[in-house]
Amino acid sequence: MADLKSVTDDSFDQDVLQADKPVIVDFWAEWCGPCRMLTPILEELATENPESLEVVKLNVDENPGTAAKFGITSIPAVYGFKDGEHVISSIGAKPKQALEQEFADFLG
């Protein structure tokens, strides 16, 4: 299983907006049970699609600036970024099949 890279307010532009492939960002917090349920699913997606996408995590408690910039009010929030643009959002913990359908354009 892939360990997901953590991004911060300071690294978000470089790690996500300037990435050379699509990036799925998991906005989460340590205290969020559904967030913890979603992590293994996102790790699977990262492991299964290493060539076509990057999957990263951003702790909203530790990085409030980025969370505010993208209007994160509920977590888990999974956002897809392509070419520096936010193009898709998924709110709440969902099964792998649902995420695969929502993010089909990102998967190899």
PDB file of N, CA and C in Angstrom:
ATOM      1  N   MET A   1       0.840  -1.184   0.000  1.00  0.00           N
ATOM      2  CA  MET A   1       0.000   0.000   0.000  1.00  0.00           C
ATOM      3  C   MET A   1       0.885   1.248   0.000  1.00  0.00           C
ATOM      4  N   ALA A   2       0.478   2.216  -0.737  1.00  0.00           N
ATOM      5  CA  ALA A   2       1.237   3.458  -0.825  1.00  0.00           C
ATOM      6  C   ALA A   2       0.970   4.323   0.406  1.00  0.00           C
ATOM      7  N   ASP A   3       2.039   4.877   0.953  1.00  0.00           N
ATOM      8  CA  ASP A   3       1.874   5.895   1.984  1.00  0.00           C
ATOM      9  C   ASP A   3       1.620   7.201   1.262  1.00  0.00           C
ATOM     10  N   LEU A   4       0.526   7.861   1.597  1.00  0.00           N
ATOM     11  CA  LEU A   4       0.181   9.093   0.907  1.00  0.00           C
ATOM     12  C   LEU A   4       1.027  10.250   1.430  1.00  0.00           C
ATOM     13  N   LYS A   5       1.502  11.054   0.507  1.00  0.00           N
ATOM     14  CA  LYS A   5       2.302  12.230   0.846  1.00  0.00           C
ATOM     15  C   LYS A   5       1.419  13.272   1.523  1.00  0.00           C
ATOM     16  N   SER A   6       1.936  13.881   2.563  1.00  0.00           N
ATOM     17  CA  SER A   6       1.230  14.981   3.217  1.00  0.00           C
ATOM     18  C   SER A   6       1.694  16.296   2.593  1.00  0.00           C
ATOM     19  N   VAL A   7       0.729  17.149   2.277  1.00  0.00           N
ATOM     20  CA  VAL A   7       1.043  18.483   1.779  1.00  0.00           C
ATOM     21  C   VAL A   7       0.588  19.501   2.823  1.00  0.00           C
ATOM     22  N   THR A   8       1.139  20.704   2.724  1.00  0.00           N
ATOM     23  CA  THR A   8       0.865  21.755   3.702  1.00  0.00           C
ATOM     24  C   THR A   8       0.460  23.032   2.973  1.00  0.00           C
ATOM     25  N   ASP A   9       0.069  24.033   3.752  1.00  0.00           N
ATOM     26  CA  ASP A   9      -0.207  25.344   3.164  1.00  0.00           C
ATOM     27  C   ASP A   9       0.996  25.816   2.347  1.00  0.00           C
ATOM     28  N   ASP A  10       2.203  25.583   2.878  1.00  0.00           N
ATOM     29  CA  ASP A  10       3.424  26.049   2.214  1.00  0.00           C
ATOM     30  C   ASP A  10       3.762  25.262   0.959  1.00  0.00           C
ATOM     31  N   SER A  11       3.437  23.962   0.923  1.00  0.00           N
ATOM     32  CA  SER A  11       3.838  23.134  -0.223  1.00  0.00           C
ATOM     33  C   SER A  11       2.719  22.909  -1.240  1.00  0.00           C
ATOM     34  N   PHE A  12       1.506  23.370  -0.944  1.00  0.00           N
ATOM     35  CA  PHE A  12       0.352  23.053  -1.787  1.00  0.00           C
ATOM     36  C   PHE A  12       0.531  23.501  -3.236  1.00  0.00           C
ATOM     37  N   ASP A  13       0.979  24.736  -3.441  1.00  0.00           N
ATOM     38  CA  ASP A  13       1.139  25.228  -4.814  1.00  0.00           C
ATOM     39  C   ASP A  13       2.087  24.336  -5.613  1.00  0.00           C
ATOM     40  N   GLN A  14       3.231  24.033  -5.028  1.00  0.00           N
ATOM     41  CA  GLN A  14       4.215  23.222  -5.744  1.00  0.00           C
ATOM     42  C   GLN A  14       3.752  21.777  -5.893  1.00  0.00           C
ATOM     43  N   ASP A  15       3.254  21.161  -4.814  1.00  0.00           N
ATOM     44  CA  ASP A  15       2.905  19.742  -4.831  1.00  0.00           C
ATOM     45  C   ASP A  15       1.620  19.440  -5.591  1.00  0.00           C
ATOM     46  N   VAL A  16       0.700  20.387  -5.642  1.00  0.00           N
ATOM     47  CA  VAL A  16      -0.605  20.119  -6.253  1.00  0.00           C
ATOM     48  C   VAL A  16      -0.825  20.962  -7.507  1.00  0.00           C
ATOM     49  N   LEU A  17      -0.784  22.270  -7.355  1.00  0.00           N
ATOM     50  CA  LEU A  17      -1.134  23.146  -8.474  1.00  0.00           C
ATOM     51  C   LEU A  17      -0.105  23.118  -9.599  1.00  0.00           C
ATOM     52  N   GLN A  18       1.157  22.850  -9.281  1.00  0.00           N
ATOM     53  CA  GLN A  18       2.198  22.807 -10.304  1.00  0.00           C
ATOM     54  C   GLN A  18       2.595  21.378 -10.668  1.00  0.00           C
ATOM     55  N   ALA A  19       1.864  20.390 -10.201  1.00  0.00           N
ATOM     56  CA  ALA A  19       2.189  18.994 -10.492  1.00  0.00           C
ATOM     57  C   ALA A  19       2.046  18.709 -11.979  1.00  0.00           C
ATOM     58  N   ASP A  20       2.858  17.778 -12.466  1.00  0.00           N
ATOM     59  CA  ASP A  20       2.814  17.458 -13.891  1.00  0.00           C
ATOM     60  C   ASP A  20       1.820  16.357 -14.230  1.00  0.00           C
ATOM     61  N   LYS A  21       1.096  15.870 -13.231  1.00  0.00           N
ATOM     62  CA  LYS A  21       0.002  14.937 -13.494  1.00  0.00           C
ATOM     63  C   LYS A  21      -1.154  15.275 -12.558  1.00  0.00           C
ATOM     64  N   PRO A  22      -2.351  14.755 -12.827  1.00  0.00           N
ATOM     65  CA  PRO A  22      -3.491  15.056 -11.961  1.00  0.00           C
ATOM     66  C   PRO A  22      -3.213  14.655 -10.504  1.00  0.00           C
ATOM     67  N   VAL A  23      -3.799  15.428  -9.595  1.00  0.00           N
ATOM     68  CA  VAL A  23      -3.603  15.182  -8.165  1.00  0.00           C
ATOM     69  C   VAL A  23      -4.959  15.101  -7.479  1.00  0.00           C
ATOM     70  N   ILE A  24      -5.126  14.061  -6.666  1.00  0.00           N
ATOM     71  CA  ILE A  24      -6.292  13.941  -5.795  1.00  0.00           C
ATOM     72  C   ILE A  24      -5.840  14.346  -4.401  1.00  0.00           C
ATOM     73  N   VAL A  25      -6.548  15.316  -3.813  1.00  0.00           N
ATOM     74  CA  VAL A  25      -6.203  15.810  -2.478  1.00  0.00           C
ATOM     75  C   VAL A  25      -7.285  15.378  -1.495  1.00  0.00           C
ATOM     76  N   ASP A  26      -6.857  14.694  -0.447  1.00  0.00           N
ATOM     77  CA  ASP A  26      -7.739  14.288   0.641  1.00  0.00           C
ATOM     78  C   ASP A  26      -7.617  15.321   1.750  1.00  0.00           C
ATOM     79  N   PHE A  27      -8.651  16.156   1.910  1.00  0.00           N
ATOM     80  CA  PHE A  27      -8.700  17.109   3.019  1.00  0.00           C
ATOM     81  C   PHE A  27      -9.269  16.352   4.214  1.00  0.00           C
ATOM     82  N   TRP A  28      -8.489  16.246   5.296  1.00  0.00           N
ATOM     83  CA  TRP A  28      -8.853  15.390   6.416  1.00  0.00           C
ATOM     84  C   TRP A  28      -8.408  16.008   7.737  1.00  0.00           C
ATOM     85  N   ALA A  29      -8.772  15.335   8.840  1.00  0.00           N
ATOM     86  CA  ALA A  29      -8.292  15.718  10.171  1.00  0.00           C
ATOM     87  C   ALA A  29      -8.150  14.444  11.004  1.00  0.00           C
ATOM     88  N   GLU A  30      -7.254  14.505  11.972  1.00  0.00           N
ATOM     89  CA  GLU A  30      -6.947  13.341  12.818  1.00  0.00           C
ATOM     90  C   GLU A  30      -8.185  12.808  13.548  1.00  0.00           C
ATOM     91  N   TRP A  31      -9.059  13.702  13.989  1.00  0.00           N
ATOM     92  CA  TRP A  31     -10.218  13.327  14.793  1.00  0.00           C
ATOM     93  C   TRP A  31     -11.393  12.795  13.958  1.00  0.00           C
ATOM     94  N   CYS A  32     -11.274  12.822  12.652  1.00  0.00           N
ATOM     95  CA  CYS A  32     -12.380  12.490  11.742  1.00  0.00           C
ATOM     96  C   CYS A  32     -12.404  10.993  11.420  1.00  0.00           C
ATOM     97  N   GLY A  33     -13.367  10.266  11.987  1.00  0.00           N
ATOM     98  CA  GLY A  33     -13.495   8.830  11.750  1.00  0.00           C
ATOM     99  C   GLY A  33     -13.675   8.475  10.277  1.00  0.00           C
ATOM    100  N   PRO A  34     -14.620   9.120   9.576  1.00  0.00           N
ATOM    101  CA  PRO A  34     -14.789   8.810   8.152  1.00  0.00           C
ATOM    102  C   PRO A  34     -13.526   9.079   7.325  1.00  0.00           C
ATOM    103  N   CYS A  35     -12.729  10.061   7.753  1.00  0.00           N
ATOM    104  CA  CYS A  35     -11.465  10.342   7.055  1.00  0.00           C
ATOM    105  C   CYS A  35     -10.534   9.136   7.156  1.00  0.00           C
ATOM    106  N   ARG A  36     -10.467   8.561   8.353  1.00  0.00           N
ATOM    107  CA  ARG A  36      -9.593   7.399   8.559  1.00  0.00           C
ATOM    108  C   ARG A  36     -10.094   6.198   7.763  1.00  0.00           C
ATOM    109  N   MET A  37     -11.400   6.078   7.585  1.00  0.00           N
ATOM    110  CA  MET A  37     -11.959   4.983   6.781  1.00  0.00           C
ATOM    111  C   MET A  37     -11.599   5.145   5.307  1.00  0.00           C
ATOM    112  N   LEU A  38     -11.470   6.366   4.861  1.00  0.00           N
ATOM    113  CA  LEU A  38     -11.204   6.657   3.450  1.00  0.00           C
ATOM    114  C   LEU A  38      -9.734   6.457   3.071  1.00  0.00           C
ATOM    115  N   THR A  39      -8.836   6.605   4.024  1.00  0.00           N
ATOM    116  CA  THR A  39      -7.399   6.542   3.730  1.00  0.00           C
ATOM    117  C   THR A  39      -6.982   5.262   3.002  1.00  0.00           C
ATOM    118  N   PRO A  40      -7.374   4.056   3.466  1.00  0.00           N
ATOM    119  CA  PRO A  40      -6.927   2.857   2.745  1.00  0.00           C
ATOM    120  C   PRO A  40      -7.445   2.790   1.309  1.00  0.00           C
ATOM    121  N   ILE A  41      -8.610   3.342   1.051  1.00  0.00           N
ATOM    122  CA  ILE A  41      -9.175   3.357  -0.307  1.00  0.00           C
ATOM    123  C   ILE A  41      -8.318   4.261  -1.197  1.00  0.00           C
ATOM    124  N   LEU A  42      -7.966   5.429  -0.692  1.00  0.00           N
ATOM    125  CA  LEU A  42      -7.131   6.349  -1.461  1.00  0.00           C
ATOM    126  C   LEU A  42      -5.733   5.781  -1.670  1.00  0.00           C
ATOM    127  N   GLU A  43      -5.214   5.063  -0.674  1.00  0.00           N
ATOM    128  CA  GLU A  43      -3.915   4.409  -0.832  1.00  0.00           C
ATOM    129  C   GLU A  43      -3.971   3.369  -1.951  1.00  0.00           C
ATOM    130  N   GLU A  44      -5.081   2.615  -2.024  1.00  0.00           N
ATOM    131  CA  GLU A  44      -5.255   1.641  -3.104  1.00  0.00           C
ATOM    132  C   GLU A  44      -5.270   2.324  -4.463  1.00  0.00           C
ATOM    133  N   LEU A  45      -6.022   3.428  -4.579  1.00  0.00           N
ATOM    134  CA  LEU A  45      -6.073   4.153  -5.852  1.00  0.00           C
ATOM    135  C   LEU A  45      -4.680   4.644  -6.251  1.00  0.00           C
ATOM    136  N   ALA A  46      -3.918   5.128  -5.292  1.00  0.00           N
ATOM    137  CA  ALA A  46      -2.559   5.603  -5.581  1.00  0.00           C
ATOM    138  C   ALA A  46      -1.674   4.448  -6.036  1.00  0.00           C
ATOM    139  N   THR A  47      -1.790   3.299  -5.368  1.00  0.00           N
ATOM    140  CA  THR A  47      -0.980   2.128  -5.705  1.00  0.00           C
ATOM    141  C   THR A  47      -1.338   1.588  -7.087  1.00  0.00           C
ATOM    142  N   GLU A  48      -2.623   1.608  -7.424  1.00  0.00           N
ATOM    143  CA  GLU A  48      -3.098   1.043  -8.691  1.00  0.00           C
ATOM    144  C   GLU A  48      -2.879   1.981  -9.881  1.00  0.00           C
ATOM    145  N   ASN A  49      -2.644   3.269  -9.641  1.00  0.00           N
ATOM    146  CA  ASN A  49      -2.536   4.254 -10.722  1.00  0.00           C
ATOM    147  C   ASN A  49      -1.316   5.169 -10.572  1.00  0.00           C
ATOM    148  N   PRO A  50      -0.137   4.605 -10.321  1.00  0.00           N
ATOM    149  CA  PRO A  50       1.027   5.458 -10.032  1.00  0.00           C
ATOM    150  C   PRO A  50       1.467   6.324 -11.206  1.00  0.00           C
ATOM    151  N   GLU A  51       1.203   5.884 -12.415  1.00  0.00           N
ATOM    152  CA  GLU A  51       1.636   6.639 -13.593  1.00  0.00           C
ATOM    153  C   GLU A  51       0.706   7.795 -13.925  1.00  0.00           C
ATOM    154  N   SER A  52      -0.583   7.645 -13.577  1.00  0.00           N
ATOM    155  CA  SER A  52      -1.562   8.616 -14.061  1.00  0.00           C
ATOM    156  C   SER A  52      -1.973   9.661 -13.033  1.00  0.00           C
ATOM    157  N   LEU A  53      -1.682   9.433 -11.737  1.00  0.00           N
ATOM    158  CA  LEU A  53      -2.091  10.429 -10.758  1.00  0.00           C
ATOM    159  C   LEU A  53      -1.257  10.362  -9.502  1.00  0.00           C
ATOM    160  N   GLU A  54      -1.357  11.431  -8.729  1.00  0.00           N
ATOM    161  CA  GLU A  54      -0.746  11.540  -7.409  1.00  0.00           C
ATOM    162  C   GLU A  54      -1.900  11.689  -6.421  1.00  0.00           C
ATOM    163  N   VAL A  55      -1.794  11.037  -5.271  1.00  0.00           N
ATOM    164  CA  VAL A  55      -2.796  11.191  -4.214  1.00  0.00           C
ATOM    165  C   VAL A  55      -2.070  11.717  -2.981  1.00  0.00           C
ATOM    166  N   VAL A  56      -2.565  12.832  -2.436  1.00  0.00           N
ATOM    167  CA  VAL A  56      -1.933  13.461  -1.278  1.00  0.00           C
ATOM    168  C   VAL A  56      -2.983  13.775  -0.217  1.00  0.00           C
ATOM    169  N   LYS A  57      -2.505  14.038   1.003  1.00  0.00           N
ATOM    170  CA  LYS A  57      -3.384  14.378   2.122  1.00  0.00           C
ATOM    171  C   LYS A  57      -3.027  15.764   2.650  1.00  0.00           C
ATOM    172  N   LEU A  58      -4.054  16.506   3.058  1.00  0.00           N
ATOM    173  CA  LEU A  58      -3.840  17.806   3.691  1.00  0.00           C
ATOM    174  C   LEU A  58      -4.664  17.850   4.967  1.00  0.00           C
ATOM    175  N   ASN A  59      -3.990  17.971   6.102  1.00  0.00           N
ATOM    176  CA  ASN A  59      -4.652  18.040   7.401  1.00  0.00           C
ATOM    177  C   ASN A  59      -5.221  19.458   7.569  1.00  0.00           C
ATOM    178  N   VAL A  60      -6.552  19.560   7.623  1.00  0.00           N
ATOM    179  CA  VAL A  60      -7.196  20.878   7.653  1.00  0.00           C
ATOM    180  C   VAL A  60      -6.956  21.616   8.971  1.00  0.00           C
ATOM    181  N   ASP A  61      -6.730  20.877  10.057  1.00  0.00           N
ATOM    182  CA  ASP A  61      -6.450  21.531  11.335  1.00  0.00           C
ATOM    183  C   ASP A  61      -5.067  22.184  11.333  1.00  0.00           C
ATOM    184  N   GLU A  62      -4.114  21.543  10.671  1.00  0.00           N
ATOM    185  CA  GLU A  62      -2.743  22.049  10.634  1.00  0.00           C
ATOM    186  C   GLU A  62      -2.516  23.026   9.477  1.00  0.00           C
ATOM    187  N   ASN A  63      -3.420  23.044   8.506  1.00  0.00           N
ATOM    188  CA  ASN A  63      -3.251  23.873   7.301  1.00  0.00           C
ATOM    189  C   ASN A  63      -4.553  24.601   6.957  1.00  0.00           C
ATOM    190  N   PRO A  64      -4.989  25.504   7.840  1.00  0.00           N
ATOM    191  CA  PRO A  64      -6.282  26.160   7.635  1.00  0.00           C
ATOM    192  C   PRO A  64      -6.328  27.092   6.432  1.00  0.00           C
ATOM    193  N   GLY A  65      -5.189  27.599   6.002  1.00  0.00           N
ATOM    194  CA  GLY A  65      -5.175  28.533   4.875  1.00  0.00           C
ATOM    195  C   GLY A  65      -5.666  27.888   3.587  1.00  0.00           C
ATOM    196  N   THR A  66      -5.120  26.725   3.257  1.00  0.00           N
ATOM    197  CA  THR A  66      -5.527  26.030   2.032  1.00  0.00           C
ATOM    198  C   THR A  66      -6.967  25.551   2.149  1.00  0.00           C
ATOM    199  N   ALA A  67      -7.342  25.038   3.304  1.00  0.00           N
ATOM    200  CA  ALA A  67      -8.718  24.581   3.508  1.00  0.00           C
ATOM    201  C   ALA A  67      -9.690  25.741   3.288  1.00  0.00           C
ATOM    202  N   ALA A  68      -9.370  26.909   3.807  1.00  0.00           N
ATOM    203  CA  ALA A  68     -10.230  28.080   3.631  1.00  0.00           C
ATOM    204  C   ALA A  68     -10.261  28.517   2.175  1.00  0.00           C
ATOM    205  N   LYS A  69      -9.115  28.484   1.516  1.00  0.00           N
ATOM    206  CA  LYS A  69      -9.025  28.910   0.115  1.00  0.00           C
ATOM    207  C   LYS A  69      -9.970  28.106  -0.778  1.00  0.00           C
ATOM    208  N   PHE A  70     -10.119  26.812  -0.467  1.00  0.00           N
ATOM    209  CA  PHE A  70     -10.976  25.961  -1.289  1.00  0.00           C
ATOM    210  C   PHE A  70     -12.347  25.720  -0.659  1.00  0.00           C
ATOM    211  N   GLY A  71     -12.681  26.467   0.386  1.00  0.00           N
ATOM    212  CA  GLY A  71     -14.015  26.419   0.974  1.00  0.00           C
ATOM    213  C   GLY A  71     -14.365  25.093   1.619  1.00  0.00           C
ATOM    214  N   ILE A  72     -13.383  24.453   2.237  1.00  0.00           N
ATOM    215  CA  ILE A  72     -13.634  23.162   2.880  1.00  0.00           C
ATOM    216  C   ILE A  72     -14.417  23.400   4.167  1.00  0.00           C
ATOM    217  N   THR A  73     -15.650  22.910   4.201  1.00  0.00           N
ATOM    218  CA  THR A  73     -16.487  23.037   5.393  1.00  0.00           C
ATOM    219  C   THR A  73     -16.884  21.678   5.955  1.00  0.00           C
ATOM    220  N   SER A  74     -16.750  20.633   5.153  1.00  0.00           N
ATOM    221  CA  SER A  74     -17.038  19.274   5.596  1.00  0.00           C
ATOM    222  C   SER A  74     -15.885  18.379   5.183  1.00  0.00           C
ATOM    223  N   ILE A  75     -15.528  17.446   6.067  1.00  0.00           N
ATOM    224  CA  ILE A  75     -14.491  16.485   5.719  1.00  0.00           C
ATOM    225  C   ILE A  75     -15.009  15.078   6.011  1.00  0.00           C
ATOM    226  N   PRO A  76     -14.523  14.072   5.339  1.00  0.00           N
ATOM    227  CA  PRO A  76     -13.490  14.171   4.318  1.00  0.00           C
ATOM    228  C   PRO A  76     -14.007  14.843   3.043  1.00  0.00           C
ATOM    229  N   ALA A  77     -13.136  15.620   2.455  1.00  0.00           N
ATOM    230  CA  ALA A  77     -13.398  16.227   1.154  1.00  0.00           C
ATOM    231  C   ALA A  77     -12.260  15.798   0.236  1.00  0.00           C
ATOM    232  N   VAL A  78     -12.605  15.202  -0.880  1.00  0.00           N
ATOM    233  CA  VAL A  78     -11.602  14.731  -1.831  1.00  0.00           C
ATOM    234  C   VAL A  78     -11.757  15.571  -3.094  1.00  0.00           C
ATOM    235  N   TYR A  79     -10.717  16.330  -3.402  1.00  0.00           N
ATOM    236  CA  TYR A  79     -10.742  17.236  -4.555  1.00  0.00           C
ATOM    237  C   TYR A  79      -9.748  16.752  -5.604  1.00  0.00           C
ATOM    238  N   GLY A  80     -10.151  16.890  -6.853  1.00  0.00           N
ATOM    239  CA  GLY A  80      -9.267  16.559  -7.953  1.00  0.00           C
ATOM    240  C   GLY A  80      -8.762  17.818  -8.628  1.00  0.00           C
ATOM    241  N   PHE A  81      -7.460  17.860  -8.896  1.00  0.00           N
ATOM    242  CA  PHE A  81      -6.820  19.004  -9.552  1.00  0.00           C
ATOM    243  C   PHE A  81      -6.125  18.520 -10.815  1.00  0.00           C
ATOM    244  N   LYS A  82      -6.327  19.266 -11.906  1.00  0.00           N
ATOM    245  CA  LYS A  82      -5.678  18.972 -13.181  1.00  0.00           C
ATOM    246  C   LYS A  82      -5.148  20.277 -13.737  1.00  0.00           C
ATOM    247  N   ASP A  83      -3.886  20.281 -14.123  1.00  0.00           N
ATOM    248  CA  ASP A  83      -3.263  21.477 -14.703  1.00  0.00           C
ATOM    249  C   ASP A  83      -3.457  22.710 -13.820  1.00  0.00           C
ATOM    250  N   GLY A  84      -3.347  22.521 -12.505  1.00  0.00           N
ATOM    251  CA  GLY A  84      -3.446  23.633 -11.568  1.00  0.00           C
ATOM    252  C   GLY A  84      -4.846  24.105 -11.257  1.00  0.00           C
ATOM    253  N   GLU A  85      -5.851  23.410 -11.792  1.00  0.00           N
ATOM    254  CA  GLU A  85      -7.244  23.819 -11.590  1.00  0.00           C
ATOM    255  C   GLU A  85      -8.003  22.769 -10.780  1.00  0.00           C
ATOM    256  N   HIS A  86      -8.850  23.220  -9.871  1.00  0.00           N
ATOM    257  CA  HIS A  86      -9.753  22.331  -9.140  1.00  0.00           C
ATOM    258  C   HIS A  86     -10.883  21.950 -10.095  1.00  0.00           C
ATOM    259  N   VAL A  87     -11.006  20.656 -10.411  1.00  0.00           N
ATOM    260  CA  VAL A  87     -11.973  20.237 -11.423  1.00  0.00           C
ATOM    261  C   VAL A  87     -13.073  19.314 -10.913  1.00  0.00           C
ATOM    262  N   ILE A  88     -12.890  18.699  -9.738  1.00  0.00           N
ATOM    263  CA  ILE A  88     -13.921  17.791  -9.230  1.00  0.00           C
ATOM    264  C   ILE A  88     -13.823  17.709  -7.713  1.00  0.00           C
ATOM    265  N   SER A  89     -14.976  17.509  -7.072  1.00  0.00           N
ATOM    266  CA  SER A  89     -15.032  17.375  -5.616  1.00  0.00           C
ATOM    267  C   SER A  89     -15.891  16.186  -5.239  1.00  0.00           C
ATOM    268  N   SER A  90     -15.526  15.534  -4.163  1.00  0.00           N
ATOM    269  CA  SER A  90     -16.319  14.465  -3.578  1.00  0.00           C
ATOM    270  C   SER A  90     -16.308  14.681  -2.072  1.00  0.00           C
ATOM    271  N   ILE A  91     -17.478  14.812  -1.481  1.00  0.00           N
ATOM    272  CA  ILE A  91     -17.581  15.090  -0.048  1.00  0.00           C
ATOM    273  C   ILE A  91     -18.102  13.854   0.671  1.00  0.00           C
ATOM    274  N   GLY A  92     -17.438  13.488   1.761  1.00  0.00           N
ATOM    275  CA  GLY A  92     -17.857  12.349   2.564  1.00  0.00           C
ATOM    276  C   GLY A  92     -17.110  11.078   2.198  1.00  0.00           C
ATOM    277  N   ALA A  93     -17.126  10.130   3.127  1.00  0.00           N
ATOM    278  CA  ALA A  93     -16.488   8.832   2.895  1.00  0.00           C
ATOM    279  C   ALA A  93     -17.371   8.030   1.948  1.00  0.00           C
ATOM    280  N   LYS A  94     -16.759   7.448   0.941  1.00  0.00           N
ATOM    281  CA  LYS A  94     -17.486   6.674  -0.053  1.00  0.00           C
ATOM    282  C   LYS A  94     -16.734   5.393  -0.334  1.00  0.00           C
ATOM    283  N   PRO A  95     -17.433   4.369  -0.813  1.00  0.00           N
ATOM    284  CA  PRO A  95     -16.732   3.138  -1.176  1.00  0.00           C
ATOM    285  C   PRO A  95     -15.824   3.359  -2.387  1.00  0.00           C
ATOM    286  N   LYS A  96     -14.864   2.469  -2.529  1.00  0.00           N
ATOM    287  CA  LYS A  96     -13.884   2.583  -3.599  1.00  0.00           C
ATOM    288  C   LYS A  96     -14.551   2.692  -4.971  1.00  0.00           C
ATOM    289  N   GLN A  97     -15.563   1.877  -5.217  1.00  0.00           N
ATOM    290  CA  GLN A  97     -16.226   1.881  -6.524  1.00  0.00           C
ATOM    291  C   GLN A  97     -16.810   3.260  -6.846  1.00  0.00           C
ATOM    292  N   ALA A  98     -17.398   3.914  -5.863  1.00  0.00           N
ATOM    293  CA  ALA A  98     -17.972   5.247  -6.082  1.00  0.00           C
ATOM    294  C   ALA A  98     -16.874   6.262  -6.411  1.00  0.00           C
ATOM    295  N   LEU A  99     -15.762   6.196  -5.697  1.00  0.00           N
ATOM    296  CA  LEU A  99     -14.654   7.110  -5.974  1.00  0.00           C
ATOM    297  C   LEU A  99     -14.054   6.839  -7.355  1.00  0.00           C
ATOM    298  N   GLU A 100     -13.959   5.569  -7.721  1.00  0.00           N
ATOM    299  CA  GLU A 100     -13.429   5.226  -9.046  1.00  0.00           C
ATOM    300  C   GLU A 100     -14.312   5.810 -10.147  1.00  0.00           C
ATOM    301  N   GLN A 101     -15.609   5.786  -9.938  1.00  0.00           N
ATOM    302  CA  GLN A 101     -16.529   6.360 -10.935  1.00  0.00           C
ATOM    303  C   GLN A 101     -16.388   7.878 -10.976  1.00  0.00           C
ATOM    304  N   GLU A 102     -16.352   8.515  -9.813  1.00  0.00           N
ATOM    305  CA  GLU A 102     -16.260   9.981  -9.772  1.00  0.00           C
ATOM    306  C   GLU A 102     -14.949  10.484 -10.353  1.00  0.00           C
ATOM    307  N   PHE A 103     -13.866   9.765 -10.106  1.00  0.00           N
ATOM    308  CA  PHE A 103     -12.544  10.203 -10.542  1.00  0.00           C
ATOM    309  C   PHE A 103     -12.026   9.397 -11.734  1.00  0.00           C
ATOM    310  N   ALA A 104     -12.925   8.854 -12.529  1.00  0.00           N
ATOM    311  CA  ALA A 104     -12.547   7.998 -13.669  1.00  0.00           C
ATOM    312  C   ALA A 104     -11.580   8.709 -14.616  1.00  0.00           C
ATOM    313  N   ASP A 105     -11.747  10.012 -14.812  1.00  0.00           N
ATOM    314  CA  ASP A 105     -10.869  10.756 -15.717  1.00  0.00           C
ATOM    315  C   ASP A 105      -9.425  10.822 -15.203  1.00  0.00           C
ATOM    316  N   PHE A 106      -9.232  10.568 -13.908  1.00  0.00           N
ATOM    317  CA  PHE A 106      -7.898  10.654 -13.312  1.00  0.00           C
ATOM    318  C   PHE A 106      -7.187   9.315 -13.328  1.00  0.00           C
ATOM    319  N   LEU A 107      -7.927   8.236 -13.430  1.00  0.00           N
ATOM    320  CA  LEU A 107      -7.357   6.902 -13.276  1.00  0.00           C
ATOM    321  C   LEU A 107      -6.832   6.376 -14.599  1.00  0.00           C
ATOM    322  N   GLY A 108      -5.694   5.680 -14.536  1.00  0.00           N
ATOM    323  CA  GLY A 108      -5.068   5.136 -15.739  1.00  0.00           C
ATOM    324  C   GLY A 108      -5.775   3.977 -16.213  1.00  0.00           C
TER     325      GLY A 108
END
